[in-house]
Amino acid sequence: SFFTAFTGGSGVTILALGGLLLPLLTKAGFPEQRGISLVTSASALGVL
């Protein structure tokens, strides 16, 4: 959310943070699809 607010685009956030966050989420125990779901959806929240 924080990153999308600054980059101006949620797509930029996915590209910039996706490779960083998905391994962290899977390492914490998230199934891959659920981790992708969280990164993809949370990247839309910075609009506000």
All heavy atoms as atom14 arrays in JSON, in Angstrom:
{
  "sequence": "SFFTAFTGGSGVTILALGGLLLPLLTKAGFPEQRGISLVTSASALGVL",
  "atom14_mask": [
    [1, 1, 1, 1, 1, 1, 0, 0, 0, 0, 0, 0, 0, 0],
    [1, 1, 1, 1, 1, 1, 1, 1, 1, 1, 1, 0, 0, 0],
    [1, 1, 1, 1, 1, 1, 1, 1, 1, 1, 1, 0, 0, 0],
    [1, 1, 1, 1, 1, 1, 1, 0, 0, 0, 0, 0, 0, 0],
    [1, 1, 1, 1, 1, 0, 0, 0, 0, 0, 0, 0, 0, 0],
    [1, 1, 1, 1, 1, 1, 1, 1, 1, 1, 1, 0, 0, 0],
    [1, 1, 1, 1, 1, 1, 1, 0, 0, 0, 0, 0, 0, 0],
    [1, 1, 1, 1, 0, 0, 0, 0, 0, 0, 0, 0, 0, 0],
    [1, 1, 1, 1, 0, 0, 0, 0, 0, 0, 0, 0, 0, 0],
    [1, 1, 1, 1, 1, 1, 0, 0, 0, 0, 0, 0, 0, 0],
    [1, 1, 1, 1, 0, 0, 0, 0, 0, 0, 0, 0, 0, 0],
    [1, 1, 1, 1, 1, 1, 1, 0, 0, 0, 0, 0, 0, 0],
    [1, 1, 1, 1, 1, 1, 1, 0, 0, 0, 0, 0, 0, 0],
    [1, 1, 1, 1, 1, 1, 1, 1, 0, 0, 0, 0, 0, 0],
    [1, 1, 1, 1, 1, 1, 1, 1, 0, 0, 0, 0, 0, 0],
    [1, 1, 1, 1, 1, 0, 0, 0, 0, 0, 0, 0, 0, 0],
    [1, 1, 1, 1, 1, 1, 1, 1, 0, 0, 0, 0, 0, 0],
    [1, 1, 1, 1, 0, 0, 0, 0, 0, 0, 0, 0, 0, 0],
    [1, 1, 1, 1, 0, 0, 0, 0, 0, 0, 0, 0, 0, 0],
    [1, 1, 1, 1, 1, 1, 1, 1, 0, 0, 0, 0, 0, 0],
    [1, 1, 1, 1, 1, 1, 1, 1, 0, 0, 0, 0, 0, 0],
    [1, 1, 1, 1, 1, 1, 1, 1, 0, 0, 0, 0, 0, 0],
    [1, 1, 1, 1, 1, 1, 1, 0, 0, 0, 0, 0, 0, 0],
    [1, 1, 1, 1, 1, 1, 1, 1, 0, 0, 0, 0, 0, 0],
    [1, 1, 1, 1, 1, 1, 1, 1, 0, 0, 0, 0, 0, 0],
    [1, 1, 1, 1, 1, 1, 1, 0, 0, 0, 0, 0, 0, 0],
    [1, 1, 1, 1, 1, 1, 1, 1, 1, 0, 0, 0, 0, 0],
    [1, 1, 1, 1, 1, 0, 0, 0, 0, 0, 0, 0, 0, 0],
    [1, 1, 1, 1, 0, 0, 0, 0, 0, 0, 0, 0, 0, 0],
    [1, 1, 1, 1, 1, 1, 1, 1, 1, 1, 1, 0, 0, 0],
    [1, 1, 1, 1, 1, 1, 1, 0, 0, 0, 0, 0, 0, 0],
    [1, 1, 1, 1, 1, 1, 1, 1, 1, 0, 0, 0, 0, 0],
    [1, 1, 1, 1, 1, 1, 1, 1, 1, 0, 0, 0, 0, 0],
    [1, 1, 1, 1, 1, 1, 1, 1, 1, 1, 1, 0, 0, 0],
    [1, 1, 1, 1, 0, 0, 0, 0, 0, 0, 0, 0, 0, 0],
    [1, 1, 1, 1, 1, 1, 1, 1, 0, 0, 0, 0, 0, 0],
    [1, 1, 1, 1, 1, 1, 0, 0, 0, 0, 0, 0, 0, 0],
    [1, 1, 1, 1, 1, 1, 1, 1, 0, 0, 0, 0, 0, 0],
    [1, 1, 1, 1, 1, 1, 1, 0, 0, 0, 0, 0, 0, 0],
    [1, 1, 1, 1, 1, 1, 1, 0, 0, 0, 0, 0, 0, 0],
    [1, 1, 1, 1, 1, 1, 0, 0, 0, 0, 0, 0, 0, 0],
    [1, 1, 1, 1, 1, 0, 0, 0, 0, 0, 0, 0, 0, 0],
    [1, 1, 1, 1, 1, 1, 0, 0, 0, 0, 0, 0, 0, 0],
    [1, 1, 1, 1, 1, 0, 0, 0, 0, 0, 0, 0, 0, 0],
    [1, 1, 1, 1, 1, 1, 1, 1, 0, 0, 0, 0, 0, 0],
    [1, 1, 1, 1, 0, 0, 0, 0, 0, 0, 0, 0, 0, 0],
    [1, 1, 1, 1, 1, 1, 1, 0, 0, 0, 0, 0, 0, 0],
    [1, 1, 1, 1, 1, 1, 1, 1, 0, 0, 0, 0, 0, 0]
  ],
  "atom14_positions": [
    [[0.83, -1.2, 0.0], [0.0, 0.0, 0.0], [0.86, 1.25, 0.0], [0.63, 2.2, -0.76], [-0.92, 0.01, 1.23], [-1.69, -1.15, 1.28], [0.0, 0.0, 0.0], [0.0, 0.0, 0.0], [0.0, 0.0, 0.0], [0.0, 0.0, 0.0], [0.0, 0.0, 0.0], [0.0, 0.0, 0.0], [0.0, 0.0, 0.0], [0.0, 0.0, 0.0]],
    [[1.85, 1.27, 0.87], [2.76, 2.41, 1.0], [3.48, 2.67, -0.32], [3.6, 3.8, -0.77], [3.75, 2.11, 2.12], [4.69, 3.24, 2.46], [4.31, 4.22, 3.38], [5.93, 3.32, 1.88], [5.18, 5.25, 3.7], [6.8, 4.35, 2.19], [6.42, 5.32, 3.11], [0.0, 0.0, 0.0], [0.0, 0.0, 0.0], [0.0, 0.0, 0.0]],
    [[3.96, 1.59, -0.94], [4.76, 1.73, -2.17], [3.9, 2.18, -3.34], [4.33, 3.0, -4.16], [5.45, 0.4, -2.48], [6.79, 0.57, -3.15], [7.86, 1.06, -2.42], [6.98, 0.23, -4.47], [9.1, 1.22, -3.02], [8.21, 0.38, -5.07], [9.29, 0.88, -4.35], [0.0, 0.0, 0.0], [0.0, 0.0, 0.0], [0.0, 0.0, 0.0]],
    [[2.68, 1.66, -3.43], [1.78, 2.06, -4.52], [1.44, 3.54, -4.43], [1.34, 4.23, -5.44], [0.5, 1.22, -4.5], [0.83, -0.14, -4.81], [-0.52, 1.71, -5.52], [0.0, 0.0, 0.0], [0.0, 0.0, 0.0], [0.0, 0.0, 0.0], [0.0, 0.0, 0.0], [0.0, 0.0, 0.0], [0.0, 0.0, 0.0], [0.0, 0.0, 0.0]],
    [[1.26, 4.04, -3.21], [0.95, 5.46, -3.03], [2.04, 6.32, -3.64], [1.76, 7.38, -4.23], [0.79, 5.78, -1.55], [0.0, 0.0, 0.0], [0.0, 0.0, 0.0], [0.0, 0.0, 0.0], [0.0, 0.0, 0.0], [0.0, 0.0, 0.0], [0.0, 0.0, 0.0], [0.0, 0.0, 0.0], [0.0, 0.0, 0.0], [0.0, 0.0, 0.0]],
    [[3.29, 5.89, -3.55], [4.38, 6.7, -4.05], [4.7, 6.46, -5.51], [5.02, 7.39, -6.25], [5.64, 6.48, -3.2], [5.86, 7.6, -2.24], [5.38, 7.51, -0.95], [6.51, 8.76, -2.62], [5.54, 8.55, -0.06], [6.68, 9.8, -1.74], [6.2, 9.71, -0.45], [0.0, 0.0, 0.0], [0.0, 0.0, 0.0], [0.0, 0.0, 0.0]],
    [[4.62, 5.21, -5.96], [4.99, 4.94, -7.35], [3.92, 5.36, -8.33], [4.18, 5.55, -9.51], [5.29, 3.44, -7.56], [4.14, 2.68, -7.17], [6.47, 3.01, -6.72], [0.0, 0.0, 0.0], [0.0, 0.0, 0.0], [0.0, 0.0, 0.0], [0.0, 0.0, 0.0], [0.0, 0.0, 0.0], [0.0, 0.0, 0.0], [0.0, 0.0, 0.0]],
    [[2.68, 5.54, -7.83], [1.61, 6.0, -8.71], [0.95, 4.88, -9.48], [-0.01, 5.13, -10.21], [0.0, 0.0, 0.0], [0.0, 0.0, 0.0], [0.0, 0.0, 0.0], [0.0, 0.0, 0.0], [0.0, 0.0, 0.0], [0.0, 0.0, 0.0], [0.0, 0.0, 0.0], [0.0, 0.0, 0.0], [0.0, 0.0, 0.0], [0.0, 0.0, 0.0]],
    [[1.43, 3.66, -9.35], [0.81, 2.56, -10.08], [0.99, 1.25, -9.35], [2.1, 0.91, -8.91], [0.0, 0.0, 0.0], [0.0, 0.0, 0.0], [0.0, 0.0, 0.0], [0.0, 0.0, 0.0], [0.0, 0.0, 0.0], [0.0, 0.0, 0.0], [0.0, 0.0, 0.0], [0.0, 0.0, 0.0], [0.0, 0.0, 0.0], [0.0, 0.0, 0.0]],
    [[-0.11, 0.52, -9.17], [-0.02, -0.75, -8.47], [0.77, -1.78, -9.28], [1.38, -2.69, -8.7], [-1.41, -1.28, -8.15], [-2.19, -1.37, -9.33], [0.0, 0.0, 0.0], [0.0, 0.0, 0.0], [0.0, 0.0, 0.0], [0.0, 0.0, 0.0], [0.0, 0.0, 0.0], [0.0, 0.0, 0.0], [0.0, 0.0, 0.0], [0.0, 0.0, 0.0]],
    [[0.76, -1.65, -10.6], [1.55, -2.55, -11.42], [3.03, -2.41, -11.15], [3.78, -3.4, -11.11], [0.0, 0.0, 0.0], [0.0, 0.0, 0.0], [0.0, 0.0, 0.0], [0.0, 0.0, 0.0], [0.0, 0.0, 0.0], [0.0, 0.0, 0.0], [0.0, 0.0, 0.0], [0.0, 0.0, 0.0], [0.0, 0.0, 0.0], [0.0, 0.0, 0.0]],
    [[3.48, -1.18, -10.93], [4.89, -0.93, -10.6], [5.23, -1.62, -9.28], [6.31, -2.19, -9.11], [5.17, 0.59, -10.51], [6.61, 0.84, -10.07], [4.9, 1.26, -11.84], [0.0, 0.0, 0.0], [0.0, 0.0, 0.0], [0.0, 0.0, 0.0], [0.0, 0.0, 0.0], [0.0, 0.0, 0.0], [0.0, 0.0, 0.0], [0.0, 0.0, 0.0]],
    [[4.3, -1.56, -8.32], [4.54, -2.2, -7.02], [4.7, -3.7, -7.16], [5.59, -4.31, -6.53], [3.36, -1.89, -6.07], [3.26, -0.48, -5.9], [3.56, -2.55, -4.72], [0.0, 0.0, 0.0], [0.0, 0.0, 0.0], [0.0, 0.0, 0.0], [0.0, 0.0, 0.0], [0.0, 0.0, 0.0], [0.0, 0.0, 0.0], [0.0, 0.0, 0.0]],
    [[3.86, -4.33, -7.97], [3.97, -5.78, -8.18], [5.32, -6.13, -8.77], [5.99, -7.07, -8.34], [2.82, -6.27, -9.08], [1.48, -6.15, -8.35], [3.05, -7.72, -9.5], [0.28, -6.41, -9.22], [0.0, 0.0, 0.0], [0.0, 0.0, 0.0], [0.0, 0.0, 0.0], [0.0, 0.0, 0.0], [0.0, 0.0, 0.0], [0.0, 0.0, 0.0]],
    [[5.74, -5.34, -9.77], [7.02, -5.62, -10.43], [8.19, -5.35, -9.49], [9.2, -6.06, -9.51], [7.16, -4.77, -11.69], [6.12, -5.04, -12.79], [6.32, -4.09, -13.96], [6.18, -6.48, -13.26], [0.0, 0.0, 0.0], [0.0, 0.0, 0.0], [0.0, 0.0, 0.0], [0.0, 0.0, 0.0], [0.0, 0.0, 0.0], [0.0, 0.0, 0.0]],
    [[8.08, -4.29, -8.65], [9.19, -3.91, -7.78], [9.28, -4.79, -6.54], [10.38, -5.1, -6.06], [9.06, -2.44, -7.36], [0.0, 0.0, 0.0], [0.0, 0.0, 0.0], [0.0, 0.0, 0.0], [0.0, 0.0, 0.0], [0.0, 0.0, 0.0], [0.0, 0.0, 0.0], [0.0, 0.0, 0.0], [0.0, 0.0, 0.0], [0.0, 0.0, 0.0]],
    [[8.11, -5.21, -6.0], [8.1, -5.92, -4.73], [7.75, -7.4, -4.84], [7.96, -8.15, -3.88], [7.1, -5.26, -3.77], [7.38, -3.82, -3.36], [6.29, -3.32, -2.41], [8.73, -3.7, -2.69], [0.0, 0.0, 0.0], [0.0, 0.0, 0.0], [0.0, 0.0, 0.0], [0.0, 0.0, 0.0], [0.0, 0.0, 0.0], [0.0, 0.0, 0.0]],
    [[7.19, -7.8, -5.98], [6.74, -9.19, -6.11], [7.85, -10.19, -5.85], [7.68, -11.17, -5.1], [0.0, 0.0, 0.0], [0.0, 0.0, 0.0], [0.0, 0.0, 0.0], [0.0, 0.0, 0.0], [0.0, 0.0, 0.0], [0.0, 0.0, 0.0], [0.0, 0.0, 0.0], [0.0, 0.0, 0.0], [0.0, 0.0, 0.0], [0.0, 0.0, 0.0]],
    [[9.03, -9.95, -6.45], [10.16, -10.86, -6.27], [10.7, -10.86, -4.86], [11.35, -11.83, -4.43], [0.0, 0.0, 0.0], [0.0, 0.0, 0.0], [0.0, 0.0, 0.0], [0.0, 0.0, 0.0], [0.0, 0.0, 0.0], [0.0, 0.0, 0.0], [0.0, 0.0, 0.0], [0.0, 0.0, 0.0], [0.0, 0.0, 0.0], [0.0, 0.0, 0.0]],
    [[10.46, -9.78, -4.11], [10.92, -9.68, -2.73], [9.93, -10.32, -1.76], [10.32, -11.06, -0.84], [11.12, -8.2, -2.37], [11.37, -7.86, -0.9], [12.76, -8.31, -0.49], [11.19, -6.36, -0.66], [0.0, 0.0, 0.0], [0.0, 0.0, 0.0], [0.0, 0.0, 0.0], [0.0, 0.0, 0.0], [0.0, 0.0, 0.0], [0.0, 0.0, 0.0]],
    [[8.62, -10.05, -1.96], [7.61, -10.44, -0.98], [7.15, -11.88, -1.11], [6.88, -12.53, -0.09], [6.4, -9.5, -1.07], [6.64, -8.07, -0.61], [5.39, -7.23, -0.8], [7.07, -8.05, 0.85], [0.0, 0.0, 0.0], [0.0, 0.0, 0.0], [0.0, 0.0, 0.0], [0.0, 0.0, 0.0], [0.0, 0.0, 0.0], [0.0, 0.0, 0.0]],
    [[7.02, -12.39, -2.33], [6.5, -13.76, -2.47], [7.4, -14.78, -1.76], [6.88, -15.66, -1.06], [6.31, -14.11, -3.95], [5.63, -15.47, -4.19], [4.25, -15.5, -3.55], [5.53, -15.76, -5.68], [0.0, 0.0, 0.0], [0.0, 0.0, 0.0], [0.0, 0.0, 0.0], [0.0, 0.0, 0.0], [0.0, 0.0, 0.0], [0.0, 0.0, 0.0]],
    [[8.74, -14.7, -1.9], [9.57, -15.65, -1.13], [9.39, -15.49, 0.38], [9.41, -16.49, 1.11], [11.0, -15.26, -1.55], [10.85, -14.63, -2.89], [9.55, -13.9, -2.83], [0.0, 0.0, 0.0], [0.0, 0.0, 0.0], [0.0, 0.0, 0.0], [0.0, 0.0, 0.0], [0.0, 0.0, 0.0], [0.0, 0.0, 0.0], [0.0, 0.0, 0.0]],
    [[9.22, -14.24, 0.86], [9.0, -14.04, 2.3], [7.7, -14.7, 2.74], [7.63, -15.32, 3.82], [8.95, -12.55, 2.62], [10.26, -11.78, 2.57], [10.01, -10.29, 2.83], [11.26, -12.33, 3.57], [0.0, 0.0, 0.0], [0.0, 0.0, 0.0], [0.0, 0.0, 0.0], [0.0, 0.0, 0.0], [0.0, 0.0, 0.0], [0.0, 0.0, 0.0]],
    [[6.64, -14.57, 1.93], [5.34, -15.14, 2.28], [5.38, -16.67, 2.26], [4.84, -17.33, 3.15], [4.27, -14.61, 1.33], [3.91, -13.13, 1.5], [3.12, -12.61, 0.31], [3.11, -12.93, 2.79], [0.0, 0.0, 0.0], [0.0, 0.0, 0.0], [0.0, 0.0, 0.0], [0.0, 0.0, 0.0], [0.0, 0.0, 0.0], [0.0, 0.0, 0.0]],
    [[6.0, -17.23, 1.23], [6.08, -18.7, 1.15], [6.97, -19.24, 2.28], [6.71, -20.31, 2.83], [6.62, -19.15, -0.22], [7.86, -18.48, -0.49], [5.64, -18.83, -1.32], [0.0, 0.0, 0.0], [0.0, 0.0, 0.0], [0.0, 0.0, 0.0], [0.0, 0.0, 0.0], [0.0, 0.0, 0.0], [0.0, 0.0, 0.0], [0.0, 0.0, 0.0]],
    [[8.02, -18.49, 2.64], [8.9, -18.91, 3.74], [8.15, -18.89, 5.06], [8.41, -19.69, 5.96], [10.11, -17.98, 3.8], [11.27, -18.51, 4.62], [12.46, -17.56, 4.54], [13.04, -17.55, 3.15], [14.23, -16.69, 3.05], [0.0, 0.0, 0.0], [0.0, 0.0, 0.0], [0.0, 0.0, 0.0], [0.0, 0.0, 0.0], [0.0, 0.0, 0.0]],
    [[7.19, -17.95, 5.18], [6.38, -17.87, 6.4], [5.33, -18.97, 6.45], [4.71, -19.18, 7.5], [5.71, -16.51, 6.48], [0.0, 0.0, 0.0], [0.0, 0.0, 0.0], [0.0, 0.0, 0.0], [0.0, 0.0, 0.0], [0.0, 0.0, 0.0], [0.0, 0.0, 0.0], [0.0, 0.0, 0.0], [0.0, 0.0, 0.0], [0.0, 0.0, 0.0]],
    [[5.1, -19.66, 5.33], [4.15, -20.76, 5.32], [2.96, -20.58, 4.4], [2.08, -21.44, 4.35], [0.0, 0.0, 0.0], [0.0, 0.0, 0.0], [0.0, 0.0, 0.0], [0.0, 0.0, 0.0], [0.0, 0.0, 0.0], [0.0, 0.0, 0.0], [0.0, 0.0, 0.0], [0.0, 0.0, 0.0], [0.0, 0.0, 0.0], [0.0, 0.0, 0.0]],
    [[2.9, -19.47, 3.66], [1.78, -19.25, 2.73], [1.93, -20.15, 1.51], [3.02, -20.24, 0.93], [1.76, -17.8, 2.25], [1.1, -16.84, 3.2], [1.78, -16.35, 4.31], [-0.21, -16.43, 3.0], [1.18, -15.48, 5.19], [-0.82, -15.55, 3.87], [-0.12, -15.07, 4.98], [0.0, 0.0, 0.0], [0.0, 0.0, 0.0], [0.0, 0.0, 0.0]],
    [[0.86, -20.82, 1.08], [0.89, -21.46, -0.24], [1.13, -20.41, -1.32], [0.78, -19.25, -1.15], [-0.51, -22.08, -0.38], [-1.03, -22.17, 1.02], [-0.43, -21.02, 1.76], [0.0, 0.0, 0.0], [0.0, 0.0, 0.0], [0.0, 0.0, 0.0], [0.0, 0.0, 0.0], [0.0, 0.0, 0.0], [0.0, 0.0, 0.0], [0.0, 0.0, 0.0]],
    [[1.74, -20.83, -2.41], [2.14, -19.87, -3.44], [0.96, -19.04, -3.96], [1.05, -17.82, -4.11], [2.8, -20.61, -4.61], [3.36, -19.65, -5.66], [3.99, -20.39, -6.83], [3.33, -21.33, -7.36], [5.1, -20.03, -7.23], [0.0, 0.0, 0.0], [0.0, 0.0, 0.0], [0.0, 0.0, 0.0], [0.0, 0.0, 0.0], [0.0, 0.0, 0.0]],
    [[-0.19, -19.71, -4.23], [-1.33, -18.99, -4.78], [-1.85, -17.94, -3.8], [-2.22, -16.84, -4.2], [-2.45, -19.95, -5.16], [-3.59, -19.24, -5.91], [-4.63, -20.22, -6.41], [-4.83, -21.29, -5.84], [-5.32, -19.87, -7.49], [0.0, 0.0, 0.0], [0.0, 0.0, 0.0], [0.0, 0.0, 0.0], [0.0, 0.0, 0.0], [0.0, 0.0, 0.0]],
    [[-1.82, -18.27, -2.51], [-2.29, -17.32, -1.52], [-1.33, -16.13, -1.39], [-1.74, -15.0, -1.19], [-2.44, -18.03, -0.18], [-3.33, -17.28, 0.81], [-3.73, -18.22, 1.92], [-4.41, -17.53, 3.0], [-4.79, -18.11, 4.13], [-4.56, -19.39, 4.3], [-5.39, -17.42, 5.06], [0.0, 0.0, 0.0], [0.0, 0.0, 0.0], [0.0, 0.0, 0.0]],
    [[-0.04, -16.41, -1.5], [0.95, -15.33, -1.47], [0.81, -14.4, -2.65], [0.86, -13.17, -2.52], [0.0, 0.0, 0.0], [0.0, 0.0, 0.0], [0.0, 0.0, 0.0], [0.0, 0.0, 0.0], [0.0, 0.0, 0.0], [0.0, 0.0, 0.0], [0.0, 0.0, 0.0], [0.0, 0.0, 0.0], [0.0, 0.0, 0.0], [0.0, 0.0, 0.0]],
    [[0.61, -14.97, -3.85], [0.4, -14.16, -5.05], [-0.87, -13.33, -4.89], [-0.91, -12.15, -5.27], [0.31, -15.07, -6.3], [1.69, -15.67, -6.6], [-0.2, -14.29, -7.5], [1.68, -16.71, -7.69], [0.0, 0.0, 0.0], [0.0, 0.0, 0.0], [0.0, 0.0, 0.0], [0.0, 0.0, 0.0], [0.0, 0.0, 0.0], [0.0, 0.0, 0.0]],
    [[-1.9, -13.93, -4.32], [-3.16, -13.22, -4.1], [-2.95, -11.99, -3.21], [-3.45, -10.9, -3.51], [-4.17, -14.16, -3.45], [-5.31, -13.46, -3.0], [0.0, 0.0, 0.0], [0.0, 0.0, 0.0], [0.0, 0.0, 0.0], [0.0, 0.0, 0.0], [0.0, 0.0, 0.0], [0.0, 0.0, 0.0], [0.0, 0.0, 0.0], [0.0, 0.0, 0.0]],
    [[-2.19, -12.15, -2.13], [-1.99, -11.04, -1.2], [-1.18, -9.91, -1.84], [-1.55, -8.74, -1.73], [-1.28, -11.54, 0.07], [-0.98, -10.47, 1.13], [-2.27, -9.76, 1.56], [-0.28, -11.08, 2.33], [0.0, 0.0, 0.0], [0.0, 0.0, 0.0], [0.0, 0.0, 0.0], [0.0, 0.0, 0.0], [0.0, 0.0, 0.0], [0.0, 0.0, 0.0]],
    [[-0.1, -10.25, -2.52], [0.73, -9.21, -3.16], [-0.07, -8.48, -4.23], [-0.03, -7.25, -4.33], [2.0, -9.84, -3.76], [2.79, -8.8, -4.55], [2.88, -10.42, -2.67], [0.0, 0.0, 0.0], [0.0, 0.0, 0.0], [0.0, 0.0, 0.0], [0.0, 0.0, 0.0], [0.0, 0.0, 0.0], [0.0, 0.0, 0.0], [0.0, 0.0, 0.0]],
    [[-0.81, -9.22, -5.05], [-1.56, -8.63, -6.15], [-2.66, -7.7, -5.64], [-2.85, -6.59, -6.15], [-2.19, -9.73, -7.02], [-1.16, -10.63, -7.45], [-2.88, -9.14, -8.24], [0.0, 0.0, 0.0], [0.0, 0.0, 0.0], [0.0, 0.0, 0.0], [0.0, 0.0, 0.0], [0.0, 0.0, 0.0], [0.0, 0.0, 0.0], [0.0, 0.0, 0.0]],
    [[-3.38, -8.14, -4.62], [-4.5, -7.35, -4.11], [-4.03, -6.18, -3.25], [-4.56, -5.07, -3.37], [-5.47, -8.24, -3.32], [-4.79, -8.95, -2.31], [0.0, 0.0, 0.0], [0.0, 0.0, 0.0], [0.0, 0.0, 0.0], [0.0, 0.0, 0.0], [0.0, 0.0, 0.0], [0.0, 0.0, 0.0], [0.0, 0.0, 0.0], [0.0, 0.0, 0.0]],
    [[-3.04, -6.39, -2.4], [-2.56, -5.3, -1.54], [-1.94, -4.18, -2.36], [-1.96, -3.02, -1.93], [-1.54, -5.84, -0.55], [0.0, 0.0, 0.0], [0.0, 0.0, 0.0], [0.0, 0.0, 0.0], [0.0, 0.0, 0.0], [0.0, 0.0, 0.0], [0.0, 0.0, 0.0], [0.0, 0.0, 0.0], [0.0, 0.0, 0.0], [0.0, 0.0, 0.0]],
    [[-1.44, -4.48, -3.54], [-0.84, -3.45, -4.38], [-1.87, -2.46, -4.91], [-1.49, -1.41, -5.43], [-0.09, -4.11, -5.55], [0.99, -4.87, -5.09], [0.0, 0.0, 0.0], [0.0, 0.0, 0.0], [0.0, 0.0, 0.0], [0.0, 0.0, 0.0], [0.0, 0.0, 0.0], [0.0, 0.0, 0.0], [0.0, 0.0, 0.0], [0.0, 0.0, 0.0]],
    [[-3.15, -2.82, -4.82], [-4.19, -1.9, -5.28], [-4.61, -0.92, -4.19], [-5.31, 0.06, -4.48], [-5.42, -2.7, -5.74], [0.0, 0.0, 0.0], [0.0, 0.0, 0.0], [0.0, 0.0, 0.0], [0.0, 0.0, 0.0], [0.0, 0.0, 0.0], [0.0, 0.0, 0.0], [0.0, 0.0, 0.0], [0.0, 0.0, 0.0], [0.0, 0.0, 0.0]],
    [[-4.2, -1.16, -2.95], [-4.75, -0.4, -1.83], [-4.13, 0.98, -1.64], [-4.67, 1.8, -0.93], [-4.59, -1.21, -0.53], [-5.4, -2.5, -0.45], [-5.11, -3.24, 0.84], [-6.89, -2.21, -0.57], [0.0, 0.0, 0.0], [0.0, 0.0, 0.0], [0.0, 0.0, 0.0], [0.0, 0.0, 0.0], [0.0, 0.0, 0.0], [0.0, 0.0, 0.0]],
    [[-2.99, 1.24, -2.25], [-2.33, 2.53, -2.06], [-3.02, 3.69, -2.74], [-2.6, 4.84, -2.56], [0.0, 0.0, 0.0], [0.0, 0.0, 0.0], [0.0, 0.0, 0.0], [0.0, 0.0, 0.0], [0.0, 0.0, 0.0], [0.0, 0.0, 0.0], [0.0, 0.0, 0.0], [0.0, 0.0, 0.0], [0.0, 0.0, 0.0], [0.0, 0.0, 0.0]],
    [[-4.06, 3.43, -3.51], [-4.77, 4.5, -4.23], [-5.3, 5.56, -3.27], [-5.37, 6.74, -3.6], [-5.91, 3.88, -5.07], [-6.87, 4.96, -5.56], [-5.33, 3.12, -6.25], [0.0, 0.0, 0.0], [0.0, 0.0, 0.0], [0.0, 0.0, 0.0], [0.0, 0.0, 0.0], [0.0, 0.0, 0.0], [0.0, 0.0, 0.0], [0.0, 0.0, 0.0]],
    [[-5.66, 5.15, -2.05], [-6.24, 6.1, -1.09], [-5.2, 6.85, -0.27], [-5.55, 7.73, 0.5], [-7.19, 5.36, -0.14], [-8.51, 4.9, -0.75], [-9.24, 3.97, 0.22], [-9.39, 6.08, -1.09], [0.0, 0.0, 0.0], [0.0, 0.0, 0.0], [0.0, 0.0, 0.0], [0.0, 0.0, 0.0], [0.0, 0.0, 0.0], [0.0, 0.0, 0.0]]
  ]
}
